[in-house]
Amino acid sequence: MAMEKIKKITLLLMLGVIFASCEKSSPLDDYTEVYGDSLTDTITNNSTNIAYKFDMVGRCYQDPNGYYHLDLIEGENQTLHRFGAYITNIDIYGLPTQVIWSCEAYWEFNDNTVPIVNGTSFVDPTMDSVFCMMAPIFEMQGDTVTIQGQAWFEEGDIIIYDSFNIIFE
């Protein structure tokens, strides 16, 4: 019986030594290669030194005044166009950035109000760009609209806003 107790105590001591010698790693260690020393202690809620980027682009001709110009397709109900932004693709938590898009222009279809831009995009973690589709209708020819975006980093703790104006021709 004494030998049984010695075996149990020895086993417990060995397990204690094994677990005490294991190295704990931070979940942010994988991102230090990308962000270097800009990561801070997230337990104390210190802010980061990451220079998050969110620069929207219309992806069509831009005049000297900064307005984009999109040619609408005559005879088609909608003209599909992809616009986007250059953006920091992941935050310090390793989460993909969420972008919320909005625009004041809508159109009516079967008694429903339809926005001309999709509402949300998530950034592909392997790219530094995010995209959204717009679908203005031909009746909007001659209109100028503002497309707005909000990039949400660190689960919404950091939000960057941008916008551009586009003329439908």
N, C-alpha and C. Protein backbone atom coordinates (compact mmCIF):
# COMPACT_ATOMS: atom_id res chain seq x y z
N MET A 1 0.82 -1.18 0.00
CA MET A 1 0.00 0.00 0.00
C MET A 1 0.87 1.26 0.00
N ALA A 2 1.98 1.24 0.72
CA ALA A 2 2.89 2.38 0.76
C ALA A 2 3.51 2.59 -0.61
N MET A 3 3.78 1.51 -1.29
CA MET A 3 4.35 1.61 -2.64
C MET A 3 3.37 2.25 -3.61
N GLU A 4 2.09 1.97 -3.43
CA GLU A 4 1.04 2.56 -4.27
C GLU A 4 0.99 4.08 -4.08
N LYS A 5 1.10 4.56 -2.83
CA LYS A 5 1.10 5.99 -2.54
C LYS A 5 2.33 6.67 -3.14
N ILE A 6 3.46 6.00 -3.06
CA ILE A 6 4.70 6.56 -3.61
C ILE A 6 4.58 6.70 -5.13
N LYS A 7 3.98 5.74 -5.79
CA LYS A 7 3.78 5.80 -7.24
C LYS A 7 2.87 6.97 -7.60
N LYS A 8 1.77 7.17 -6.84
CA LYS A 8 0.86 8.27 -7.11
C LYS A 8 1.54 9.63 -6.89
N ILE A 9 2.30 9.74 -5.80
CA ILE A 9 2.99 11.00 -5.51
C ILE A 9 4.03 11.28 -6.58
N THR A 10 4.76 10.25 -7.01
CA THR A 10 5.76 10.42 -8.07
C THR A 10 5.10 10.85 -9.37
N LEU A 11 3.99 10.23 -9.71
CA LEU A 11 3.27 10.59 -10.92
C LEU A 11 2.79 12.04 -10.86
N LEU A 12 2.23 12.45 -9.72
CA LEU A 12 1.76 13.83 -9.56
C LEU A 12 2.93 14.82 -9.66
N LEU A 13 4.05 14.50 -9.07
CA LEU A 13 5.23 15.38 -9.15
C LEU A 13 5.72 15.50 -10.59
N MET A 14 5.74 14.39 -11.31
CA MET A 14 6.19 14.42 -12.70
C MET A 14 5.25 15.26 -13.55
N LEU A 15 3.95 15.10 -13.35
CA LEU A 15 2.98 15.90 -14.10
C LEU A 15 3.13 17.38 -13.75
N GLY A 16 3.35 17.68 -12.48
CA GLY A 16 3.55 19.07 -12.07
C GLY A 16 4.76 19.69 -12.74
N VAL A 17 5.86 18.92 -12.83
CA VAL A 17 7.08 19.43 -13.48
C VAL A 17 6.83 19.64 -14.96
N ILE A 18 6.12 18.72 -15.60
CA ILE A 18 5.85 18.83 -17.04
C ILE A 18 5.00 20.07 -17.32
N PHE A 19 3.91 20.25 -16.57
CA PHE A 19 3.03 21.39 -16.82
C PHE A 19 3.68 22.72 -16.44
N ALA A 20 4.49 22.71 -15.41
CA ALA A 20 5.15 23.96 -14.99
C ALA A 20 6.22 24.37 -15.99
N SER A 21 6.77 23.43 -16.73
CA SER A 21 7.84 23.77 -17.67
C SER A 21 7.32 24.12 -19.06
N CYS A 22 6.02 23.98 -19.29
CA CYS A 22 5.46 24.33 -20.60
C CYS A 22 5.47 25.84 -20.79
N GLU A 23 5.78 26.28 -21.97
CA GLU A 23 5.80 27.72 -22.27
C GLU A 23 4.45 28.14 -22.81
N LYS A 24 3.90 29.19 -22.22
CA LYS A 24 2.64 29.73 -22.71
C LYS A 24 2.97 30.78 -23.76
N SER A 25 2.20 30.78 -24.84
CA SER A 25 2.44 31.78 -25.88
C SER A 25 1.19 32.64 -26.03
N SER A 26 1.41 33.87 -26.42
CA SER A 26 0.32 34.81 -26.66
C SER A 26 -0.32 34.51 -28.01
N PRO A 27 -1.64 34.65 -28.12
CA PRO A 27 -2.27 34.43 -29.43
C PRO A 27 -1.84 35.49 -30.45
N LEU A 28 -1.24 36.59 -29.98
CA LEU A 28 -0.79 37.63 -30.89
C LEU A 28 0.61 37.37 -31.44
N ASP A 29 1.29 36.34 -30.93
CA ASP A 29 2.66 36.06 -31.39
C ASP A 29 2.75 35.86 -32.89
N ASP A 30 1.71 35.27 -33.48
CA ASP A 30 1.72 35.03 -34.93
C ASP A 30 1.70 36.32 -35.74
N TYR A 31 1.26 37.41 -35.14
CA TYR A 31 1.11 38.67 -35.88
C TYR A 31 2.27 39.64 -35.64
N THR A 32 3.22 39.26 -34.78
CA THR A 32 4.33 40.18 -34.53
C THR A 32 5.21 40.34 -35.76
N GLU A 33 5.23 39.33 -36.63
CA GLU A 33 6.00 39.48 -37.87
C GLU A 33 5.39 40.56 -38.76
N VAL A 34 4.07 40.68 -38.74
CA VAL A 34 3.39 41.67 -39.56
C VAL A 34 3.46 43.05 -38.93
N TYR A 35 3.16 43.12 -37.61
CA TYR A 35 3.00 44.40 -36.96
C TYR A 35 4.20 44.82 -36.09
N GLY A 36 5.14 43.91 -35.86
CA GLY A 36 6.33 44.25 -35.10
C GLY A 36 6.00 44.69 -33.68
N ASP A 37 6.66 45.74 -33.23
CA ASP A 37 6.51 46.21 -31.86
C ASP A 37 5.27 47.06 -31.63
N SER A 38 4.42 47.21 -32.63
CA SER A 38 3.25 48.06 -32.46
C SER A 38 2.15 47.39 -31.65
N LEU A 39 2.26 46.07 -31.42
CA LEU A 39 1.26 45.40 -30.60
C LEU A 39 1.49 45.75 -29.14
N THR A 40 0.41 45.94 -28.40
CA THR A 40 0.52 46.27 -26.99
C THR A 40 -0.27 45.26 -26.18
N ASP A 41 -0.21 45.41 -24.89
CA ASP A 41 -0.89 44.52 -23.97
C ASP A 41 -2.40 44.73 -24.08
N THR A 42 -3.10 43.75 -24.64
CA THR A 42 -4.54 43.90 -24.84
C THR A 42 -5.33 43.68 -23.55
N ILE A 43 -4.70 43.10 -22.54
CA ILE A 43 -5.40 42.88 -21.28
C ILE A 43 -5.67 44.22 -20.59
N THR A 44 -4.75 45.16 -20.70
CA THR A 44 -4.95 46.46 -20.05
C THR A 44 -5.64 47.45 -20.98
N ASN A 45 -6.09 46.98 -22.14
CA ASN A 45 -6.81 47.81 -23.10
C ASN A 45 -6.02 49.02 -23.58
N ASN A 46 -4.70 48.89 -23.66
CA ASN A 46 -3.91 49.97 -24.24
C ASN A 46 -4.19 50.03 -25.73
N SER A 47 -4.13 51.23 -26.29
CA SER A 47 -4.34 51.35 -27.73
C SER A 47 -3.12 50.87 -28.48
N THR A 48 -3.29 50.62 -29.74
CA THR A 48 -2.20 50.11 -30.57
C THR A 48 -1.56 51.24 -31.35
N ASN A 49 -0.42 50.93 -31.91
CA ASN A 49 0.27 51.87 -32.77
C ASN A 49 0.13 51.48 -34.23
N ILE A 50 -0.80 50.59 -34.54
CA ILE A 50 -1.00 50.17 -35.92
C ILE A 50 -1.65 51.33 -36.68
N ALA A 51 -1.07 51.67 -37.79
CA ALA A 51 -1.63 52.74 -38.63
C ALA A 51 -2.64 52.11 -39.58
N TYR A 52 -3.87 51.94 -39.12
CA TYR A 52 -4.90 51.34 -39.96
C TYR A 52 -5.18 52.23 -41.16
N LYS A 53 -5.44 51.59 -42.30
CA LYS A 53 -5.64 52.29 -43.56
C LYS A 53 -7.01 51.96 -44.13
N PHE A 54 -7.69 52.99 -44.66
CA PHE A 54 -8.97 52.81 -45.35
C PHE A 54 -9.12 53.95 -46.34
N ASP A 55 -8.79 53.70 -47.60
CA ASP A 55 -8.84 54.70 -48.65
C ASP A 55 -9.75 54.20 -49.77
N MET A 56 -10.94 54.79 -49.87
CA MET A 56 -11.91 54.36 -50.87
C MET A 56 -11.53 54.84 -52.27
N VAL A 57 -11.85 54.01 -53.26
CA VAL A 57 -11.61 54.35 -54.67
C VAL A 57 -12.83 53.94 -55.49
N GLY A 58 -13.16 54.77 -56.49
CA GLY A 58 -14.34 54.50 -57.32
C GLY A 58 -14.09 53.52 -58.45
N ARG A 59 -12.81 53.28 -58.79
CA ARG A 59 -12.42 52.34 -59.83
C ARG A 59 -13.01 52.68 -61.20
N CYS A 60 -13.08 53.98 -61.51
CA CYS A 60 -13.46 54.46 -62.84
C CYS A 60 -12.79 55.83 -63.00
N TYR A 61 -13.03 56.51 -64.12
CA TYR A 61 -12.37 57.78 -64.38
C TYR A 61 -12.63 58.78 -63.25
N GLN A 62 -11.56 59.45 -62.79
CA GLN A 62 -11.67 60.47 -61.77
C GLN A 62 -11.19 61.80 -62.35
N ASP A 63 -12.04 62.83 -62.26
CA ASP A 63 -11.67 64.14 -62.82
C ASP A 63 -10.76 64.90 -61.85
N PRO A 64 -10.20 66.04 -62.29
CA PRO A 64 -9.29 66.80 -61.42
C PRO A 64 -9.92 67.30 -60.12
N ASN A 65 -11.25 67.38 -60.07
CA ASN A 65 -11.93 67.81 -58.85
C ASN A 65 -12.18 66.66 -57.87
N GLY A 66 -11.78 65.45 -58.24
CA GLY A 66 -11.94 64.29 -57.37
C GLY A 66 -13.22 63.51 -57.57
N TYR A 67 -14.08 63.93 -58.50
CA TYR A 67 -15.32 63.21 -58.77
C TYR A 67 -15.05 62.05 -59.72
N TYR A 68 -15.64 60.90 -59.40
CA TYR A 68 -15.58 59.76 -60.31
C TYR A 68 -16.73 59.87 -61.30
N HIS A 69 -16.56 59.28 -62.50
CA HIS A 69 -17.59 59.31 -63.55
C HIS A 69 -17.86 57.89 -64.01
N LEU A 70 -19.11 57.48 -63.94
CA LEU A 70 -19.50 56.13 -64.36
C LEU A 70 -20.51 56.24 -65.49
N ASP A 71 -20.18 55.64 -66.63
CA ASP A 71 -21.10 55.62 -67.77
C ASP A 71 -22.15 54.54 -67.53
N LEU A 72 -23.41 54.95 -67.51
CA LEU A 72 -24.50 53.99 -67.36
C LEU A 72 -24.82 53.40 -68.73
N ILE A 73 -25.23 52.14 -68.73
CA ILE A 73 -25.50 51.44 -69.98
C ILE A 73 -26.94 51.70 -70.41
N GLU A 74 -27.08 52.40 -71.56
CA GLU A 74 -28.41 52.71 -72.08
C GLU A 74 -29.10 51.42 -72.51
N GLY A 75 -30.37 51.32 -72.19
CA GLY A 75 -31.13 50.13 -72.56
C GLY A 75 -31.09 49.05 -71.49
N GLU A 76 -30.21 49.17 -70.52
CA GLU A 76 -30.13 48.21 -69.41
C GLU A 76 -30.77 48.84 -68.18
N ASN A 77 -31.45 48.04 -67.39
CA ASN A 77 -32.05 48.59 -66.18
C ASN A 77 -30.97 48.99 -65.18
N GLN A 78 -29.97 48.13 -64.98
CA GLN A 78 -28.91 48.41 -64.02
C GLN A 78 -27.55 48.38 -64.71
N THR A 79 -26.63 49.17 -64.18
CA THR A 79 -25.23 49.10 -64.59
C THR A 79 -24.45 48.61 -63.38
N LEU A 80 -23.89 47.43 -63.48
CA LEU A 80 -23.12 46.87 -62.36
C LEU A 80 -21.71 47.44 -62.38
N HIS A 81 -21.24 47.86 -61.21
CA HIS A 81 -19.89 48.43 -61.10
C HIS A 81 -19.31 48.06 -59.74
N ARG A 82 -18.04 47.65 -59.77
CA ARG A 82 -17.35 47.28 -58.53
C ARG A 82 -16.43 48.42 -58.11
N PHE A 83 -16.61 48.91 -56.90
CA PHE A 83 -15.71 49.91 -56.33
C PHE A 83 -15.09 49.29 -55.08
N GLY A 84 -14.21 50.00 -54.42
CA GLY A 84 -13.58 49.40 -53.25
C GLY A 84 -12.73 50.36 -52.46
N ALA A 85 -11.75 49.78 -51.76
CA ALA A 85 -10.85 50.57 -50.92
C ALA A 85 -9.58 49.79 -50.69
N TYR A 86 -8.50 50.54 -50.52
CA TYR A 86 -7.26 49.96 -50.02
C TYR A 86 -7.35 50.00 -48.50
N ILE A 87 -7.03 48.88 -47.85
CA ILE A 87 -7.36 48.75 -46.43
C ILE A 87 -6.38 47.84 -45.72
N THR A 88 -6.23 48.04 -44.43
CA THR A 88 -5.50 47.08 -43.59
C THR A 88 -6.40 45.87 -43.44
N ASN A 89 -5.90 44.69 -43.84
CA ASN A 89 -6.80 43.54 -43.97
C ASN A 89 -7.16 42.83 -42.67
N ILE A 90 -6.29 42.85 -41.65
CA ILE A 90 -6.62 42.23 -40.37
C ILE A 90 -6.20 43.17 -39.25
N ASP A 91 -6.87 43.03 -38.11
CA ASP A 91 -6.52 43.87 -36.97
C ASP A 91 -5.61 43.10 -36.01
N ILE A 92 -5.34 43.67 -34.84
CA ILE A 92 -4.39 43.02 -33.92
C ILE A 92 -4.92 41.70 -33.38
N TYR A 93 -6.21 41.47 -33.47
CA TYR A 93 -6.78 40.21 -33.01
C TYR A 93 -6.77 39.14 -34.09
N GLY A 94 -6.30 39.51 -35.29
CA GLY A 94 -6.29 38.56 -36.39
C GLY A 94 -7.63 38.45 -37.09
N LEU A 95 -8.54 39.36 -36.81
CA LEU A 95 -9.86 39.33 -37.42
C LEU A 95 -9.87 40.10 -38.73
N PRO A 96 -10.63 39.62 -39.72
CA PRO A 96 -10.74 40.39 -40.97
C PRO A 96 -11.54 41.66 -40.72
N THR A 97 -11.15 42.71 -41.41
CA THR A 97 -11.82 43.99 -41.26
C THR A 97 -13.20 43.96 -41.90
N GLN A 98 -14.17 44.56 -41.24
CA GLN A 98 -15.53 44.68 -41.77
C GLN A 98 -15.71 46.10 -42.29
N VAL A 99 -16.32 46.23 -43.46
CA VAL A 99 -16.62 47.55 -44.02
C VAL A 99 -18.13 47.65 -44.22
N ILE A 100 -18.70 48.74 -43.74
CA ILE A 100 -20.12 49.01 -43.91
C ILE A 100 -20.24 50.14 -44.93
N TRP A 101 -20.98 49.88 -46.01
CA TRP A 101 -21.14 50.83 -47.10
C TRP A 101 -22.54 51.44 -47.03
N SER A 102 -22.65 52.70 -47.48
CA SER A 102 -23.97 53.32 -47.54
C SER A 102 -23.99 54.39 -48.63
N CYS A 103 -25.20 54.72 -49.04
CA CYS A 103 -25.40 55.72 -50.09
C CYS A 103 -26.83 56.23 -49.95
N GLU A 104 -27.01 57.52 -50.26
CA GLU A 104 -28.36 58.09 -50.14
C GLU A 104 -29.24 57.77 -51.34
N ALA A 105 -28.71 57.14 -52.38
CA ALA A 105 -29.48 56.86 -53.60
C ALA A 105 -30.12 55.47 -53.53
N TYR A 106 -31.41 55.43 -53.84
CA TYR A 106 -32.19 54.19 -53.87
C TYR A 106 -33.07 54.22 -55.11
N TRP A 107 -33.66 53.08 -55.45
CA TRP A 107 -34.65 53.04 -56.51
C TRP A 107 -35.75 52.08 -56.11
N GLU A 108 -36.88 52.19 -56.77
CA GLU A 108 -38.05 51.37 -56.44
C GLU A 108 -38.18 50.19 -57.40
N PHE A 109 -38.46 49.02 -56.83
CA PHE A 109 -38.66 47.81 -57.62
C PHE A 109 -39.75 46.99 -56.94
N ASN A 110 -40.86 46.78 -57.64
CA ASN A 110 -41.98 46.00 -57.08
C ASN A 110 -42.39 46.49 -55.69
N ASP A 111 -42.56 47.80 -55.57
CA ASP A 111 -42.96 48.44 -54.31
C ASP A 111 -41.94 48.25 -53.18
N ASN A 112 -40.70 47.95 -53.53
CA ASN A 112 -39.62 47.84 -52.54
C ASN A 112 -38.55 48.89 -52.83
N THR A 113 -37.99 49.44 -51.79
CA THR A 113 -36.89 50.39 -51.93
C THR A 113 -35.59 49.59 -51.97
N VAL A 114 -34.82 49.79 -53.03
CA VAL A 114 -33.60 49.01 -53.25
C VAL A 114 -32.39 49.96 -53.19
N PRO A 115 -31.43 49.70 -52.30
CA PRO A 115 -30.22 50.53 -52.27
C PRO A 115 -29.35 50.22 -53.49
N ILE A 116 -28.56 51.20 -53.94
CA ILE A 116 -27.71 50.93 -55.11
C ILE A 116 -26.37 50.31 -54.71
N VAL A 117 -26.07 50.23 -53.40
CA VAL A 117 -24.83 49.58 -52.96
C VAL A 117 -25.16 48.46 -51.97
N ASN A 118 -24.32 47.43 -51.97
CA ASN A 118 -24.44 46.38 -50.96
C ASN A 118 -24.06 46.97 -49.60
N GLY A 119 -24.56 46.40 -48.54
CA GLY A 119 -24.38 46.98 -47.22
C GLY A 119 -23.09 46.67 -46.50
N THR A 120 -22.53 45.48 -46.68
CA THR A 120 -21.37 45.08 -45.88
C THR A 120 -20.42 44.22 -46.69
N SER A 121 -19.14 44.39 -46.42
CA SER A 121 -18.10 43.53 -46.99
C SER A 121 -17.12 43.17 -45.89
N PHE A 122 -16.52 41.99 -46.00
CA PHE A 122 -15.42 41.61 -45.13
C PHE A 122 -14.18 41.46 -46.00
N VAL A 123 -13.07 41.92 -45.47
CA VAL A 123 -11.82 41.91 -46.22
C VAL A 123 -11.25 40.51 -46.26
N ASP A 124 -10.75 40.12 -47.43
CA ASP A 124 -10.02 38.86 -47.57
C ASP A 124 -8.70 39.03 -46.82
N PRO A 125 -8.40 38.17 -45.82
CA PRO A 125 -7.17 38.35 -45.04
C PRO A 125 -5.88 38.27 -45.85
N THR A 126 -5.95 37.80 -47.09
CA THR A 126 -4.73 37.70 -47.90
C THR A 126 -4.54 38.89 -48.83
N MET A 127 -5.48 39.84 -48.81
CA MET A 127 -5.41 40.99 -49.71
C MET A 127 -5.42 42.29 -48.92
N ASP A 128 -4.98 43.37 -49.55
CA ASP A 128 -5.04 44.68 -48.91
C ASP A 128 -6.13 45.54 -49.54
N SER A 129 -7.17 44.89 -50.06
CA SER A 129 -8.26 45.59 -50.71
C SER A 129 -9.59 44.96 -50.31
N VAL A 130 -10.63 45.77 -50.41
CA VAL A 130 -11.99 45.30 -50.17
C VAL A 130 -12.86 45.87 -51.28
N PHE A 131 -13.90 45.14 -51.66
CA PHE A 131 -14.72 45.56 -52.79
C PHE A 131 -16.20 45.50 -52.44
N CYS A 132 -16.97 46.27 -53.19
CA CYS A 132 -18.42 46.30 -53.05
C CYS A 132 -19.03 46.54 -54.42
N MET A 133 -20.22 46.06 -54.64
CA MET A 133 -20.92 46.27 -55.91
C MET A 133 -21.95 47.38 -55.75
N MET A 134 -22.05 48.17 -56.82
CA MET A 134 -23.14 49.14 -56.91
C MET A 134 -23.92 48.83 -58.19
N ALA A 135 -25.18 49.21 -58.19
CA ALA A 135 -26.02 48.95 -59.36
C ALA A 135 -27.00 50.10 -59.56
N PRO A 136 -26.49 51.25 -60.05
CA PRO A 136 -27.41 52.35 -60.35
C PRO A 136 -28.25 52.00 -61.58
N ILE A 137 -29.43 52.58 -61.66
CA ILE A 137 -30.28 52.35 -62.82
C ILE A 137 -30.11 53.51 -63.80
N PHE A 138 -30.50 53.27 -65.06
CA PHE A 138 -30.27 54.26 -66.12
C PHE A 138 -31.00 55.58 -65.84
N GLU A 139 -32.14 55.52 -65.14
CA GLU A 139 -32.89 56.73 -64.80
C GLU A 139 -32.09 57.68 -63.90
N MET A 140 -30.98 57.22 -63.31
CA MET A 140 -30.14 58.05 -62.45
C MET A 140 -29.10 58.83 -63.25
N GLN A 141 -29.14 58.71 -64.56
CA GLN A 141 -28.18 59.41 -65.40
C GLN A 141 -28.23 60.92 -65.09
N GLY A 142 -27.06 61.52 -64.87
CA GLY A 142 -26.95 62.92 -64.52
C GLY A 142 -26.90 63.17 -63.02
N ASP A 143 -27.21 62.16 -62.22
CA ASP A 143 -27.16 62.31 -60.76
C ASP A 143 -25.74 62.21 -60.24
N THR A 144 -25.48 62.90 -59.15
CA THR A 144 -24.22 62.77 -58.42
C THR A 144 -24.56 62.23 -57.04
N VAL A 145 -23.92 61.15 -56.63
CA VAL A 145 -24.18 60.56 -55.32
C VAL A 145 -22.87 60.43 -54.54
N THR A 146 -23.02 60.33 -53.25
CA THR A 146 -21.88 60.11 -52.36
C THR A 146 -21.96 58.69 -51.83
N ILE A 147 -20.89 57.94 -52.00
CA ILE A 147 -20.78 56.59 -51.45
C ILE A 147 -19.93 56.73 -50.18
N GLN A 148 -20.44 56.21 -49.07
CA GLN A 148 -19.74 56.32 -47.79
C GLN A 148 -19.35 54.94 -47.30
N GLY A 149 -18.24 54.91 -46.57
CA GLY A 149 -17.77 53.65 -46.01
C GLY A 149 -17.25 53.83 -44.60
N GLN A 150 -17.42 52.78 -43.81
CA GLN A 150 -16.87 52.72 -42.45
C GLN A 150 -16.10 51.43 -42.33
N ALA A 151 -14.81 51.52 -42.01
CA ALA A 151 -14.01 50.32 -41.78
C ALA A 151 -13.92 50.09 -40.28
N TRP A 152 -14.32 48.89 -39.86
CA TRP A 152 -14.35 48.56 -38.43
C TRP A 152 -13.16 47.66 -38.10
N PHE A 153 -12.28 48.16 -37.25
CA PHE A 153 -11.12 47.41 -36.77
C PHE A 153 -11.30 47.12 -35.28
N GLU A 154 -10.67 46.07 -34.80
CA GLU A 154 -10.67 45.69 -33.38
C GLU A 154 -12.10 45.63 -32.83
N GLU A 155 -12.94 44.88 -33.56
CA GLU A 155 -14.33 44.65 -33.17
C GLU A 155 -15.11 45.94 -32.98
N GLY A 156 -14.81 46.95 -33.79
CA GLY A 156 -15.53 48.20 -33.75
C GLY A 156 -14.96 49.23 -32.79
N ASP A 157 -13.88 48.91 -32.09
CA ASP A 157 -13.26 49.90 -31.20
C ASP A 157 -12.60 51.02 -31.99
N ILE A 158 -12.16 50.72 -33.21
CA ILE A 158 -11.56 51.73 -34.07
C ILE A 158 -12.34 51.73 -35.38
N ILE A 159 -12.91 52.88 -35.74
CA ILE A 159 -13.69 53.02 -36.98
C ILE A 159 -13.09 54.15 -37.79
N ILE A 160 -12.81 53.88 -39.06
CA ILE A 160 -12.29 54.91 -39.97
C ILE A 160 -13.34 55.14 -41.05
N TYR A 161 -13.61 56.40 -41.35
CA TYR A 161 -14.63 56.78 -42.32
C TYR A 161 -13.95 57.32 -43.58
N ASP A 162 -14.58 57.08 -44.72
CA ASP A 162 -14.13 57.67 -45.98
C ASP A 162 -15.35 57.72 -46.91
N SER A 163 -15.22 58.47 -47.99
CA SER A 163 -16.31 58.57 -48.96
C SER A 163 -15.76 59.08 -50.27
N PHE A 164 -16.57 58.94 -51.33
CA PHE A 164 -16.24 59.57 -52.62
C PHE A 164 -17.54 59.93 -53.31
N ASN A 165 -17.43 60.87 -54.25
CA ASN A 165 -18.58 61.30 -55.06
C ASN A 165 -18.45 60.69 -56.44
N ILE A 166 -19.59 60.28 -56.99
CA ILE A 166 -19.59 59.68 -58.32
C ILE A 166 -20.75 60.27 -59.13
N ILE A 167 -20.46 60.60 -60.37
CA ILE A 167 -21.45 61.16 -61.29
C ILE A 167 -21.85 60.07 -62.27
N PHE A 168 -23.15 59.83 -62.40
CA PHE A 168 -23.64 58.84 -63.35
C PHE A 168 -23.91 59.53 -64.69
N GLU A 169 -23.23 59.07 -65.72
CA GLU A 169 -23.34 59.70 -67.04
C GLU A 169 -23.98 58.75 -68.04
